[in-house]
Amino acid sequence: MKNTSEIANRFRETILNGTWIANTNYKHQLENLDWKIAVTPVKNLNTISLLAQHIHYYINGINNVFKGGPLDIKDKFSFDFPPINSQEEWQDFLAKFWNATEEFASFVEQMPDEKLDEVFIDEKYGTYKRNIDAMIEHSYYHLGQIVLIKKLLTE
């Protein structure tokens, strides 16, 4: 199996279908979650909705680069989203999240292995591999937060 295929599958596991690392994934945690729980604040923590949108923001930003566009995401805007006000809006967001995730994984899967060692946009960002690995690690970091917040709100 190509390295890019393995990495793409690791990314899919994080968001869509895996249980190996965290015994869960975003889809398992969010798919049947009531929107009211997703937007409920716990003390000064980010909401489940904001954390999921935050990860989606970065996936979309990297997808834009994969499509040949600029890297135009900024950390300072990575939690700035309009509020979700209904189950329909929550489901619409989740559909976009799952689709963007699959698009990201497909881009990675289709890359030649050599691309992993190329510079990602600018040398200061490191290689494609470093950025893809960072996306996986970043996603797991916030998945852990989502799991804990969900437990606080539902148990």
N, C-alpha and C. Protein backbone atom coordinates (compact mmCIF):
# COMPACT_ATOMS: atom_id res chain seq x y z
N MET A 1 0.84 -1.19 0.00
CA MET A 1 0.00 0.00 0.00
C MET A 1 0.88 1.24 0.00
N LYS A 2 0.51 2.23 -0.78
CA LYS A 2 1.22 3.49 -0.83
C LYS A 2 1.13 4.21 0.53
N ASN A 3 2.17 4.98 0.84
CA ASN A 3 2.15 5.78 2.06
C ASN A 3 0.96 6.73 2.08
N THR A 4 0.67 7.35 0.92
CA THR A 4 -0.44 8.31 0.90
C THR A 4 -1.77 7.62 1.17
N SER A 5 -1.93 6.40 0.72
CA SER A 5 -3.17 5.66 1.01
C SER A 5 -3.29 5.36 2.50
N GLU A 6 -2.19 4.98 3.11
CA GLU A 6 -2.21 4.71 4.56
C GLU A 6 -2.55 5.97 5.34
N ILE A 7 -1.95 7.09 4.96
CA ILE A 7 -2.21 8.35 5.66
C ILE A 7 -3.65 8.79 5.45
N ALA A 8 -4.15 8.65 4.23
CA ALA A 8 -5.55 9.00 3.95
C ALA A 8 -6.49 8.18 4.81
N ASN A 9 -6.20 6.90 4.95
CA ASN A 9 -7.06 6.05 5.79
C ASN A 9 -6.96 6.42 7.26
N ARG A 10 -5.78 6.82 7.72
CA ARG A 10 -5.64 7.30 9.11
C ARG A 10 -6.50 8.54 9.33
N PHE A 11 -6.51 9.43 8.34
CA PHE A 11 -7.33 10.64 8.46
C PHE A 11 -8.81 10.28 8.49
N ARG A 12 -9.25 9.38 7.60
CA ARG A 12 -10.65 8.94 7.61
C ARG A 12 -11.04 8.35 8.95
N GLU A 13 -10.13 7.55 9.53
CA GLU A 13 -10.41 6.94 10.84
C GLU A 13 -10.69 7.99 11.90
N THR A 14 -9.98 9.07 11.87
CA THR A 14 -10.14 10.14 12.87
C THR A 14 -11.54 10.75 12.81
N ILE A 15 -12.01 11.01 11.61
CA ILE A 15 -13.26 11.74 11.44
C ILE A 15 -14.44 10.82 11.16
N LEU A 16 -14.27 9.87 10.27
CA LEU A 16 -15.43 9.15 9.72
C LEU A 16 -15.69 7.75 10.27
N ASN A 17 -14.66 6.95 10.51
CA ASN A 17 -14.99 5.54 10.73
C ASN A 17 -14.04 4.75 11.61
N GLY A 18 -13.09 5.37 12.25
CA GLY A 18 -12.11 4.60 13.00
C GLY A 18 -12.42 4.48 14.48
N THR A 19 -11.82 3.45 15.06
CA THR A 19 -11.92 3.27 16.51
C THR A 19 -10.59 2.82 17.10
N TRP A 20 -9.56 2.73 16.29
CA TRP A 20 -8.31 2.15 16.75
C TRP A 20 -7.61 3.01 17.79
N ILE A 21 -7.47 4.31 17.57
CA ILE A 21 -6.72 5.18 18.48
C ILE A 21 -7.57 5.64 19.66
N ALA A 22 -8.72 6.20 19.40
CA ALA A 22 -9.54 6.80 20.46
C ALA A 22 -10.79 5.99 20.78
N ASN A 23 -10.94 4.85 20.13
CA ASN A 23 -12.13 4.01 20.30
C ASN A 23 -13.41 4.72 19.87
N THR A 24 -13.25 5.79 19.09
CA THR A 24 -14.38 6.54 18.56
C THR A 24 -13.87 7.44 17.44
N ASN A 25 -14.77 8.22 16.86
CA ASN A 25 -14.42 9.18 15.81
C ASN A 25 -15.46 10.29 15.83
N TYR A 26 -15.23 11.33 15.05
CA TYR A 26 -16.16 12.46 15.03
C TYR A 26 -17.57 12.03 14.61
N LYS A 27 -17.67 11.24 13.58
CA LYS A 27 -18.99 10.86 13.08
C LYS A 27 -19.77 10.11 14.15
N HIS A 28 -19.10 9.20 14.84
CA HIS A 28 -19.76 8.44 15.91
C HIS A 28 -20.23 9.38 17.02
N GLN A 29 -19.44 10.38 17.35
CA GLN A 29 -19.78 11.29 18.44
C GLN A 29 -20.85 12.32 18.04
N LEU A 30 -20.89 12.71 16.78
CA LEU A 30 -21.71 13.86 16.38
C LEU A 30 -22.95 13.54 15.56
N GLU A 31 -22.95 12.43 14.86
CA GLU A 31 -24.00 12.18 13.88
C GLU A 31 -25.41 12.22 14.46
N ASN A 32 -25.62 11.65 15.61
CA ASN A 32 -26.97 11.62 16.21
C ASN A 32 -27.10 12.56 17.41
N LEU A 33 -26.20 13.51 17.50
CA LEU A 33 -26.22 14.45 18.61
C LEU A 33 -27.24 15.56 18.36
N ASP A 34 -28.06 15.82 19.35
CA ASP A 34 -29.02 16.92 19.26
C ASP A 34 -28.27 18.25 19.18
N TRP A 35 -28.69 19.10 18.29
CA TRP A 35 -28.02 20.38 18.09
C TRP A 35 -27.95 21.20 19.36
N LYS A 36 -28.96 21.07 20.23
CA LYS A 36 -28.97 21.85 21.47
C LYS A 36 -27.82 21.46 22.38
N ILE A 37 -27.46 20.19 22.37
CA ILE A 37 -26.29 19.74 23.13
C ILE A 37 -25.03 20.27 22.47
N ALA A 38 -24.98 20.22 21.15
CA ALA A 38 -23.79 20.66 20.41
C ALA A 38 -23.46 22.13 20.66
N VAL A 39 -24.45 22.94 20.93
CA VAL A 39 -24.21 24.38 21.12
C VAL A 39 -24.24 24.81 22.58
N THR A 40 -24.41 23.86 23.49
CA THR A 40 -24.48 24.18 24.91
C THR A 40 -23.09 24.42 25.49
N PRO A 41 -22.88 25.60 26.07
CA PRO A 41 -21.57 25.86 26.67
C PRO A 41 -21.42 25.16 28.02
N VAL A 42 -20.20 24.76 28.33
CA VAL A 42 -19.84 24.23 29.64
C VAL A 42 -18.73 25.12 30.17
N LYS A 43 -19.05 25.87 31.21
CA LYS A 43 -18.11 26.82 31.80
C LYS A 43 -17.48 27.67 30.69
N ASN A 44 -16.15 27.74 30.64
CA ASN A 44 -15.51 28.58 29.63
C ASN A 44 -14.92 27.76 28.48
N LEU A 45 -15.40 26.53 28.30
CA LEU A 45 -14.92 25.66 27.22
C LEU A 45 -15.61 26.01 25.91
N ASN A 46 -14.96 25.69 24.82
CA ASN A 46 -15.63 25.80 23.53
C ASN A 46 -16.76 24.78 23.47
N THR A 47 -17.79 25.08 22.70
CA THR A 47 -18.89 24.12 22.54
C THR A 47 -18.47 23.01 21.59
N ILE A 48 -19.20 21.93 21.62
CA ILE A 48 -18.97 20.82 20.69
C ILE A 48 -19.07 21.33 19.25
N SER A 49 -20.07 22.14 19.00
CA SER A 49 -20.27 22.69 17.67
C SER A 49 -19.06 23.51 17.21
N LEU A 50 -18.56 24.38 18.07
CA LEU A 50 -17.40 25.20 17.70
C LEU A 50 -16.16 24.35 17.44
N LEU A 51 -15.96 23.31 18.24
CA LEU A 51 -14.80 22.45 18.04
C LEU A 51 -14.89 21.72 16.70
N ALA A 52 -16.07 21.21 16.38
CA ALA A 52 -16.24 20.52 15.10
C ALA A 52 -16.06 21.48 13.93
N GLN A 53 -16.62 22.68 14.05
CA GLN A 53 -16.48 23.68 12.98
C GLN A 53 -15.03 24.13 12.83
N HIS A 54 -14.31 24.18 13.93
CA HIS A 54 -12.90 24.55 13.94
C HIS A 54 -12.09 23.54 13.10
N ILE A 55 -12.31 22.28 13.32
CA ILE A 55 -11.60 21.25 12.55
C ILE A 55 -12.02 21.32 11.08
N HIS A 56 -13.30 21.49 10.83
CA HIS A 56 -13.80 21.62 9.45
C HIS A 56 -13.13 22.81 8.75
N TYR A 57 -12.96 23.90 9.46
CA TYR A 57 -12.32 25.10 8.91
C TYR A 57 -10.92 24.77 8.38
N TYR A 58 -10.15 24.04 9.17
CA TYR A 58 -8.80 23.68 8.74
C TYR A 58 -8.82 22.67 7.59
N ILE A 59 -9.72 21.72 7.63
CA ILE A 59 -9.84 20.77 6.53
C ILE A 59 -10.14 21.52 5.23
N ASN A 60 -11.10 22.43 5.28
CA ASN A 60 -11.44 23.21 4.08
C ASN A 60 -10.25 24.03 3.59
N GLY A 61 -9.51 24.62 4.52
CA GLY A 61 -8.36 25.43 4.14
C GLY A 61 -7.28 24.62 3.43
N ILE A 62 -7.03 23.44 3.93
CA ILE A 62 -6.02 22.58 3.29
C ILE A 62 -6.56 22.02 1.98
N ASN A 63 -7.85 21.70 1.94
CA ASN A 63 -8.45 21.26 0.67
C ASN A 63 -8.26 22.32 -0.40
N ASN A 64 -8.38 23.59 -0.04
CA ASN A 64 -8.20 24.67 -1.00
C ASN A 64 -6.78 24.63 -1.59
N VAL A 65 -5.80 24.36 -0.75
CA VAL A 65 -4.42 24.23 -1.23
C VAL A 65 -4.30 23.02 -2.15
N PHE A 66 -4.90 21.90 -1.75
CA PHE A 66 -4.85 20.70 -2.59
C PHE A 66 -5.45 20.96 -3.97
N LYS A 67 -6.39 21.87 -4.05
CA LYS A 67 -7.02 22.21 -5.33
C LYS A 67 -6.21 23.24 -6.12
N GLY A 68 -5.09 23.67 -5.56
CA GLY A 68 -4.24 24.64 -6.26
C GLY A 68 -4.43 26.07 -5.80
N GLY A 69 -5.27 26.27 -4.79
CA GLY A 69 -5.52 27.61 -4.29
C GLY A 69 -4.54 28.02 -3.20
N PRO A 70 -4.71 29.23 -2.68
CA PRO A 70 -3.81 29.72 -1.63
C PRO A 70 -4.17 29.14 -0.26
N LEU A 71 -3.23 29.21 0.64
CA LEU A 71 -3.49 28.88 2.04
C LEU A 71 -3.98 30.16 2.69
N ASP A 72 -5.29 30.27 2.82
CA ASP A 72 -5.85 31.54 3.32
C ASP A 72 -6.57 31.39 4.66
N ILE A 73 -6.29 30.30 5.39
CA ILE A 73 -6.86 30.14 6.72
C ILE A 73 -5.95 30.83 7.74
N LYS A 74 -6.57 31.34 8.78
CA LYS A 74 -5.84 32.06 9.83
C LYS A 74 -6.33 31.55 11.19
N ASP A 75 -5.38 31.30 12.08
CA ASP A 75 -5.74 30.83 13.42
C ASP A 75 -6.73 31.77 14.10
N LYS A 76 -6.54 33.08 13.91
CA LYS A 76 -7.39 34.05 14.60
C LYS A 76 -8.86 33.97 14.16
N PHE A 77 -9.13 33.34 13.00
CA PHE A 77 -10.51 33.20 12.54
C PHE A 77 -11.04 31.77 12.70
N SER A 78 -10.26 30.90 13.30
CA SER A 78 -10.60 29.48 13.31
C SER A 78 -11.69 29.08 14.30
N PHE A 79 -12.22 30.05 15.04
CA PHE A 79 -13.38 29.78 15.90
C PHE A 79 -14.51 30.78 15.63
N ASP A 80 -14.43 31.50 14.53
CA ASP A 80 -15.44 32.51 14.19
C ASP A 80 -16.46 31.92 13.21
N PHE A 81 -17.58 31.49 13.75
CA PHE A 81 -18.62 30.88 12.92
C PHE A 81 -19.98 31.40 13.34
N PRO A 82 -20.90 31.51 12.39
CA PRO A 82 -22.26 31.89 12.79
C PRO A 82 -22.86 30.81 13.67
N PRO A 83 -23.74 31.20 14.57
CA PRO A 83 -24.33 30.20 15.45
C PRO A 83 -25.20 29.20 14.69
N ILE A 84 -25.26 28.01 15.21
CA ILE A 84 -26.17 26.99 14.70
C ILE A 84 -27.44 27.10 15.52
N ASN A 85 -28.58 27.23 14.83
CA ASN A 85 -29.83 27.52 15.51
C ASN A 85 -30.91 26.47 15.35
N SER A 86 -30.58 25.33 14.75
CA SER A 86 -31.60 24.29 14.58
C SER A 86 -30.92 22.95 14.27
N GLN A 87 -31.70 21.89 14.40
CA GLN A 87 -31.19 20.57 14.05
C GLN A 87 -30.86 20.50 12.56
N GLU A 88 -31.66 21.17 11.75
CA GLU A 88 -31.41 21.18 10.31
C GLU A 88 -30.06 21.83 9.99
N GLU A 89 -29.77 22.97 10.63
CA GLU A 89 -28.48 23.62 10.42
C GLU A 89 -27.32 22.73 10.89
N TRP A 90 -27.52 22.05 12.01
CA TRP A 90 -26.50 21.14 12.53
C TRP A 90 -26.26 19.99 11.54
N GLN A 91 -27.33 19.41 11.03
CA GLN A 91 -27.19 18.31 10.07
C GLN A 91 -26.54 18.79 8.77
N ASP A 92 -26.89 19.99 8.33
CA ASP A 92 -26.26 20.55 7.13
C ASP A 92 -24.76 20.73 7.34
N PHE A 93 -24.39 21.26 8.52
CA PHE A 93 -22.97 21.41 8.81
C PHE A 93 -22.28 20.05 8.80
N LEU A 94 -22.87 19.06 9.47
CA LEU A 94 -22.24 17.74 9.53
C LEU A 94 -22.05 17.13 8.14
N ALA A 95 -23.03 17.30 7.28
CA ALA A 95 -22.89 16.78 5.91
C ALA A 95 -21.70 17.44 5.21
N LYS A 96 -21.53 18.74 5.40
CA LYS A 96 -20.39 19.45 4.81
C LYS A 96 -19.07 18.94 5.42
N PHE A 97 -19.09 18.71 6.72
CA PHE A 97 -17.91 18.21 7.43
C PHE A 97 -17.49 16.84 6.88
N TRP A 98 -18.45 15.92 6.76
CA TRP A 98 -18.14 14.58 6.25
C TRP A 98 -17.64 14.65 4.81
N ASN A 99 -18.28 15.48 4.00
CA ASN A 99 -17.87 15.61 2.59
C ASN A 99 -16.47 16.21 2.45
N ALA A 100 -16.18 17.24 3.24
CA ALA A 100 -14.86 17.86 3.19
C ALA A 100 -13.78 16.88 3.67
N THR A 101 -14.14 16.08 4.65
CA THR A 101 -13.21 15.07 5.15
C THR A 101 -12.88 14.04 4.08
N GLU A 102 -13.90 13.57 3.40
CA GLU A 102 -13.67 12.59 2.33
C GLU A 102 -12.90 13.22 1.19
N GLU A 103 -13.17 14.48 0.88
CA GLU A 103 -12.43 15.18 -0.17
C GLU A 103 -10.95 15.26 0.21
N PHE A 104 -10.66 15.64 1.45
CA PHE A 104 -9.29 15.72 1.95
C PHE A 104 -8.60 14.36 1.80
N ALA A 105 -9.25 13.31 2.29
CA ALA A 105 -8.66 11.97 2.23
C ALA A 105 -8.42 11.54 0.78
N SER A 106 -9.34 11.87 -0.10
CA SER A 106 -9.17 11.51 -1.51
C SER A 106 -7.99 12.24 -2.14
N PHE A 107 -7.83 13.53 -1.81
CA PHE A 107 -6.67 14.27 -2.31
C PHE A 107 -5.37 13.59 -1.86
N VAL A 108 -5.31 13.24 -0.57
CA VAL A 108 -4.11 12.61 -0.04
C VAL A 108 -3.87 11.27 -0.73
N GLU A 109 -4.91 10.50 -0.86
CA GLU A 109 -4.82 9.17 -1.46
C GLU A 109 -4.29 9.22 -2.89
N GLN A 110 -4.67 10.25 -3.61
CA GLN A 110 -4.28 10.37 -5.01
C GLN A 110 -2.88 10.96 -5.21
N MET A 111 -2.29 11.48 -4.14
CA MET A 111 -0.94 12.05 -4.25
C MET A 111 0.08 10.94 -4.49
N PRO A 112 1.08 11.25 -5.28
CA PRO A 112 2.22 10.31 -5.32
C PRO A 112 2.96 10.40 -3.99
N ASP A 113 3.53 9.32 -3.53
CA ASP A 113 4.25 9.32 -2.26
C ASP A 113 5.31 10.41 -2.18
N GLU A 114 5.94 10.71 -3.30
CA GLU A 114 7.01 11.72 -3.32
C GLU A 114 6.51 13.10 -2.89
N LYS A 115 5.24 13.37 -3.14
CA LYS A 115 4.67 14.67 -2.79
C LYS A 115 4.72 14.91 -1.28
N LEU A 116 4.66 13.85 -0.49
CA LEU A 116 4.67 13.98 0.96
C LEU A 116 5.90 14.73 1.47
N ASP A 117 7.02 14.61 0.76
CA ASP A 117 8.26 15.25 1.18
C ASP A 117 8.46 16.63 0.59
N GLU A 118 7.51 17.09 -0.22
CA GLU A 118 7.63 18.43 -0.82
C GLU A 118 7.19 19.50 0.17
N VAL A 119 7.67 20.71 -0.05
CA VAL A 119 7.31 21.85 0.79
C VAL A 119 5.83 22.16 0.62
N PHE A 120 5.15 22.38 1.72
CA PHE A 120 3.74 22.75 1.73
C PHE A 120 3.66 24.28 1.72
N ILE A 121 3.37 24.86 0.59
CA ILE A 121 3.19 26.30 0.36
C ILE A 121 4.48 27.10 0.59
N ASP A 122 5.05 27.00 1.78
CA ASP A 122 6.22 27.79 2.16
C ASP A 122 7.05 26.92 3.12
N GLU A 123 8.36 27.05 3.05
CA GLU A 123 9.22 26.22 3.90
C GLU A 123 8.88 26.33 5.38
N LYS A 124 8.38 27.48 5.82
CA LYS A 124 8.06 27.65 7.24
C LYS A 124 6.95 26.70 7.70
N TYR A 125 6.16 26.16 6.76
CA TYR A 125 5.09 25.23 7.10
C TYR A 125 5.52 23.77 7.03
N GLY A 126 6.73 23.52 6.58
CA GLY A 126 7.21 22.15 6.49
C GLY A 126 6.69 21.45 5.24
N THR A 127 6.59 20.15 5.32
CA THR A 127 6.22 19.33 4.17
C THR A 127 4.72 19.02 4.16
N TYR A 128 4.28 18.46 3.05
CA TYR A 128 2.90 17.98 2.98
C TYR A 128 2.65 16.95 4.07
N LYS A 129 3.59 16.02 4.25
CA LYS A 129 3.40 14.99 5.27
C LYS A 129 3.23 15.60 6.65
N ARG A 130 4.06 16.55 6.97
CA ARG A 130 3.97 17.19 8.29
C ARG A 130 2.59 17.84 8.49
N ASN A 131 2.09 18.50 7.47
CA ASN A 131 0.80 19.17 7.57
C ASN A 131 -0.37 18.19 7.64
N ILE A 132 -0.28 17.11 6.89
CA ILE A 132 -1.34 16.10 6.94
C ILE A 132 -1.32 15.41 8.30
N ASP A 133 -0.12 15.05 8.78
CA ASP A 133 -0.02 14.45 10.11
C ASP A 133 -0.53 15.41 11.19
N ALA A 134 -0.21 16.68 11.05
CA ALA A 134 -0.69 17.68 12.01
C ALA A 134 -2.21 17.76 12.01
N MET A 135 -2.82 17.63 10.83
CA MET A 135 -4.28 17.66 10.75
C MET A 135 -4.88 16.46 11.50
N ILE A 136 -4.26 15.31 11.38
CA ILE A 136 -4.73 14.12 12.10
C ILE A 136 -4.58 14.33 13.60
N GLU A 137 -3.42 14.78 14.03
CA GLU A 137 -3.16 14.99 15.46
C GLU A 137 -4.07 16.08 16.03
N HIS A 138 -4.23 17.16 15.30
CA HIS A 138 -5.11 18.26 15.73
C HIS A 138 -6.54 17.76 15.88
N SER A 139 -6.96 16.93 14.94
CA SER A 139 -8.32 16.39 14.99
C SER A 139 -8.52 15.50 16.21
N TYR A 140 -7.54 14.65 16.51
CA TYR A 140 -7.66 13.80 17.70
C TYR A 140 -7.67 14.63 18.98
N TYR A 141 -6.88 15.67 19.03
CA TYR A 141 -6.85 16.56 20.20
C TYR A 141 -8.25 17.10 20.49
N HIS A 142 -8.90 17.63 19.47
CA HIS A 142 -10.23 18.20 19.69
C HIS A 142 -11.31 17.11 19.83
N LEU A 143 -11.09 15.95 19.24
CA LEU A 143 -12.03 14.84 19.45
C LEU A 143 -12.08 14.49 20.94
N GLY A 144 -10.94 14.45 21.58
CA GLY A 144 -10.92 14.19 23.02
C GLY A 144 -11.72 15.22 23.79
N GLN A 145 -11.61 16.48 23.42
CA GLN A 145 -12.39 17.52 24.08
C GLN A 145 -13.89 17.30 23.85
N ILE A 146 -14.25 16.97 22.62
CA ILE A 146 -15.66 16.74 22.30
C ILE A 146 -16.22 15.60 23.14
N VAL A 147 -15.47 14.51 23.26
CA VAL A 147 -15.93 13.36 24.04
C VAL A 147 -16.16 13.78 25.49
N LEU A 148 -15.22 14.51 26.07
CA LEU A 148 -15.37 14.93 27.47
C LEU A 148 -16.54 15.90 27.66
N ILE A 149 -16.67 16.88 26.78
CA ILE A 149 -17.77 17.83 26.89
C ILE A 149 -19.11 17.12 26.73
N LYS A 150 -19.18 16.21 25.78
CA LYS A 150 -20.41 15.45 25.56
C LYS A 150 -20.78 14.66 26.82
N LYS A 151 -19.80 14.06 27.46
CA LYS A 151 -20.06 13.32 28.71
C LYS A 151 -20.57 14.25 29.79
N LEU A 152 -19.98 15.41 29.90
CA LEU A 152 -20.43 16.39 30.90
C LEU A 152 -21.89 16.81 30.66
N LEU A 153 -22.29 16.87 29.41
CA LEU A 153 -23.62 17.36 29.07
C LEU A 153 -24.67 16.26 29.03
N THR A 154 -24.27 15.01 28.86
CA THR A 154 -25.27 13.95 28.66
C THR A 154 -25.29 12.88 29.74
N GLU A 155 -24.36 12.89 30.65
CA GLU A 155 -24.37 11.83 31.69
C GLU A 155 -24.66 12.40 33.04
